[in-house]
């Protein structure tokens, strides 16, 4: 059975801001230490890698402008992912244009044969 301790503050619900850790004092008493909120670094939505250029502090301590980087998908995707996304969109567009051009060319050949 776990030893019971009481909160040192009035707030009694087990929320993110009220996490505690049990520890023994030098006198042998069991007491609690309040833990700070964990600071999460922002991760890339696609790869899960940490985003560079964004400070590692709690998001509520920073203004929204400081939590982003000035590029498309700033605080969401890393620079490499944005580059890859742009290239992919460009190549897909080129492929679509090539397909439509080949269809038009085939239609032109059929009309000439008739």
C-alpha atoms as a PDB file:
ATOM      1  CA  UNK A   1       0.000   0.000   0.000  1.00  0.00           C
ATOM      2  CA  UNK A   2       1.363   3.412  -0.990  1.00  0.00           C
ATOM      3  CA  UNK A   3       2.026   5.948   1.703  1.00  0.00           C
ATOM      4  CA  UNK A   4      -0.412   8.813   1.639  1.00  0.00           C
ATOM      5  CA  UNK A   5       0.572  12.441   1.547  1.00  0.00           C
ATOM      6  CA  UNK A   6      -1.447  15.623   1.531  1.00  0.00           C
ATOM      7  CA  UNK A   7      -1.156  18.496  -0.893  1.00  0.00           C
ATOM      8  CA  UNK A   8       0.573  21.593   0.452  1.00  0.00           C
ATOM      9  CA  UNK A   9      -1.648  23.937  -1.586  1.00  0.00           C
ATOM     10  CA  UNK A  10      -5.428  24.254  -1.626  1.00  0.00           C
ATOM     11  CA  UNK A  11      -5.854  22.963  -5.174  1.00  0.00           C
ATOM     12  CA  UNK A  12      -6.711  19.254  -4.832  1.00  0.00           C
ATOM     13  CA  UNK A  13      -7.432  18.003  -8.358  1.00  0.00           C
ATOM     14  CA  UNK A  14      -4.757  16.060 -10.264  1.00  0.00           C
ATOM     15  CA  UNK A  15      -4.315  18.458 -13.177  1.00  0.00           C
ATOM     16  CA  UNK A  16      -1.251  19.306 -15.288  1.00  0.00           C
ATOM     17  CA  UNK A  17      -0.482  22.296 -13.084  1.00  0.00           C
ATOM     18  CA  UNK A  18      -0.863  20.333  -9.832  1.00  0.00           C
ATOM     19  CA  UNK A  19       1.465  17.369 -10.340  1.00  0.00           C
ATOM     20  CA  UNK A  20       3.455  16.320  -7.301  1.00  0.00           C
ATOM     21  CA  UNK A  21       6.285  13.933  -6.488  1.00  0.00           C
ATOM     22  CA  UNK A  22       6.674  12.196  -3.149  1.00  0.00           C
ATOM     23  CA  UNK A  23      10.032  12.503  -1.403  1.00  0.00           C
ATOM     24  CA  UNK A  24      11.493  11.895   2.015  1.00  0.00           C
ATOM     25  CA  UNK A  25      12.817  14.833   4.004  1.00  0.00           C
ATOM     26  CA  UNK A  26      16.106  14.557   5.867  1.00  0.00           C
ATOM     27  CA  UNK A  27      14.037  14.210   9.017  1.00  0.00           C
ATOM     28  CA  UNK A  28      12.363  11.072   7.632  1.00  0.00           C
ATOM     29  CA  UNK A  29       8.954  12.592   6.913  1.00  0.00           C
ATOM     30  CA  UNK A  30       7.206  11.900   3.613  1.00  0.00           C
ATOM     31  CA  UNK A  31       6.344  15.114   1.776  1.00  0.00           C
ATOM     32  CA  UNK A  32       5.472  16.343  -1.710  1.00  0.00           C
ATOM     33  CA  UNK A  33       7.316  18.461  -4.256  1.00  0.00           C
ATOM     34  CA  UNK A  34       5.337  20.320  -6.882  1.00  0.00           C
ATOM     35  CA  UNK A  35       6.554  19.674 -10.416  1.00  0.00           C
ATOM     36  CA  UNK A  36       6.736  22.297 -13.121  1.00  0.00           C
ATOM     37  CA  UNK A  37       4.799  21.755 -16.315  1.00  0.00           C
ATOM     38  CA  UNK A  38       6.766  19.815 -18.883  1.00  0.00           C
ATOM     39  CA  UNK A  39       7.890  21.878 -21.836  1.00  0.00           C
ATOM     40  CA  UNK A  40       7.280  20.157 -25.139  1.00  0.00           C
ATOM     41  CA  UNK A  41       9.265  21.062 -28.222  1.00  0.00           C
ATOM     42  CA  UNK A  42       7.287  21.473 -31.394  1.00  0.00           C
ATOM     43  CA  UNK A  43       7.605  18.574 -33.820  1.00  0.00           C
ATOM     44  CA  UNK A  44       7.164  18.407 -37.574  1.00  0.00           C
ATOM     45  CA  UNK A  45       3.680  17.156 -38.446  1.00  0.00           C
ATOM     46  CA  UNK A  46       4.930  14.789 -41.150  1.00  0.00           C
ATOM     47  CA  UNK A  47       8.258  13.376 -39.940  1.00  0.00           C
ATOM     48  CA  UNK A  48       8.021  13.888 -36.183  1.00  0.00           C
ATOM     49  CA  UNK A  49      11.417  15.643 -36.042  1.00  0.00           C
ATOM     50  CA  UNK A  50      11.894  18.634 -33.770  1.00  0.00           C
ATOM     51  CA  UNK A  51      11.539  22.034 -35.444  1.00  0.00           C
ATOM     52  CA  UNK A  52      14.611  24.262 -35.406  1.00  0.00           C
ATOM     53  CA  UNK A  53      14.303  27.979 -34.763  1.00  0.00           C
ATOM     54  CA  UNK A  54      11.487  27.731 -32.226  1.00  0.00           C
ATOM     55  CA  UNK A  55      12.482  28.275 -28.591  1.00  0.00           C
ATOM     56  CA  UNK A  56      11.847  25.452 -26.131  1.00  0.00           C
ATOM     57  CA  UNK A  57       9.538  27.165 -23.658  1.00  0.00           C
ATOM     58  CA  UNK A  58       5.938  26.624 -22.703  1.00  0.00           C
ATOM     59  CA  UNK A  59       3.669  27.866 -25.471  1.00  0.00           C
ATOM     60  CA  UNK A  60       1.652  30.070 -23.137  1.00  0.00           C
ATOM     61  CA  UNK A  61       4.819  32.025 -22.264  1.00  0.00           C
ATOM     62  CA  UNK A  62       5.441  33.037 -25.882  1.00  0.00           C
ATOM     63  CA  UNK A  63       3.444  35.210 -28.214  1.00  0.00           C
ATOM     64  CA  UNK A  64       2.035  33.400 -31.274  1.00  0.00           C
ATOM     65  CA  UNK A  65       4.432  35.348 -33.493  1.00  0.00           C
ATOM     66  CA  UNK A  66       7.447  33.910 -31.629  1.00  0.00           C
ATOM     67  CA  UNK A  67       6.201  30.312 -31.946  1.00  0.00           C
ATOM     68  CA  UNK A  68       6.399  30.321 -35.742  1.00  0.00           C
ATOM     69  CA  UNK A  69       9.030  30.700 -38.413  1.00  0.00           C
ATOM     70  CA  UNK A  70       8.389  33.110 -41.285  1.00  0.00           C
ATOM     71  CA  UNK A  71       7.825  30.685 -44.147  1.00  0.00           C
ATOM     72  CA  UNK A  72       4.830  28.696 -45.370  1.00  0.00           C
ATOM     73  CA  UNK A  73       3.834  26.057 -42.778  1.00  0.00           C
ATOM     74  CA  UNK A  74       6.100  27.933 -40.351  1.00  0.00           C
ATOM     75  CA  UNK A  75       5.572  26.272 -36.983  1.00  0.00           C
ATOM     76  CA  UNK A  76       4.208  23.043 -38.450  1.00  0.00           C
ATOM     77  CA  UNK A  77       6.690  21.661 -41.012  1.00  0.00           C
ATOM     78  CA  UNK A  78      10.468  21.747 -41.084  1.00  0.00           C
ATOM     79  CA  UNK A  79      12.300  23.565 -43.885  1.00  0.00           C
ATOM     80  CA  UNK A  80      13.196  20.316 -45.644  1.00  0.00           C
ATOM     81  CA  UNK A  81       9.591  19.128 -45.566  1.00  0.00           C
ATOM     82  CA  UNK A  82       8.360  22.413 -47.053  1.00  0.00           C
ATOM     83  CA  UNK A  83      10.942  22.101 -49.851  1.00  0.00           C
ATOM     84  CA  UNK A  84       9.896  18.506 -50.509  1.00  0.00           C
ATOM     85  CA  UNK A  85       6.229  19.488 -50.560  1.00  0.00           C
ATOM     86  CA  UNK A  86       6.836  22.320 -53.070  1.00  0.00           C
ATOM     87  CA  UNK A  87       8.909  20.079 -55.348  1.00  0.00           C
ATOM     88  CA  UNK A  88       6.305  17.342 -55.211  1.00  0.00           C
ATOM     89  CA  UNK A  89       3.514  19.765 -56.146  1.00  0.00           C
ATOM     90  CA  UNK A  90       5.635  21.129 -59.017  1.00  0.00           C
ATOM     91  CA  UNK A  91       6.424  17.644 -60.395  1.00  0.00           C
ATOM     92  CA  UNK A  92       2.790  16.560 -60.101  1.00  0.00           C
ATOM     93  CA  UNK A  93       1.737  19.640 -62.079  1.00  0.00           C
ATOM     94  CA  UNK A  94       4.375  18.927 -64.743  1.00  0.00           C
ATOM     95  CA  UNK A  95       3.223  15.312 -64.991  1.00  0.00           C
ATOM     96  CA  UNK A  96      -0.396  16.428 -65.412  1.00  0.00           C
ATOM     97  CA  UNK A  97       0.602  18.838 -68.190  1.00  0.00           C
ATOM     98  CA  UNK A  98       2.572  16.100 -69.968  1.00  0.00           C
ATOM     99  CA  UNK A  99      -0.385  13.742 -69.798  1.00  0.00           C
ATOM    100  CA  UNK A 100      -2.787  16.316 -71.226  1.00  0.00           C
ATOM    101  CA  UNK A 101      -0.272  17.191 -73.972  1.00  0.00           C
ATOM    102  CA  UNK A 102       0.079  13.517 -74.956  1.00  0.00           C
ATOM    103  CA  UNK A 103      -3.726  13.110 -75.077  1.00  0.00           C
ATOM    104  CA  UNK A 104      -4.029  16.168 -77.342  1.00  0.00           C
ATOM    105  CA  UNK A 105      -1.231  14.831 -79.553  1.00  0.00           C
ATOM    106  CA  UNK A 106      -2.986  11.443 -79.911  1.00  0.00           C
ATOM    107  CA  UNK A 107      -6.255  13.147 -80.848  1.00  0.00           C
ATOM    108  CA  UNK A 108      -4.404  15.191 -83.496  1.00  0.00           C
ATOM    109  CA  UNK A 109      -2.866  12.017 -84.989  1.00  0.00           C
ATOM    110  CA  UNK A 110      -6.282  10.300 -85.156  1.00  0.00           C
ATOM    111  CA  UNK A 111      -7.809  13.269 -87.007  1.00  0.00           C
ATOM    112  CA  UNK A 112      -4.960  13.293 -89.562  1.00  0.00           C
ATOM    113  CA  UNK A 113      -5.377   9.558 -90.307  1.00  0.00           C
ATOM    114  CA  UNK A 114      -9.094  10.011 -91.088  1.00  0.00           C
END
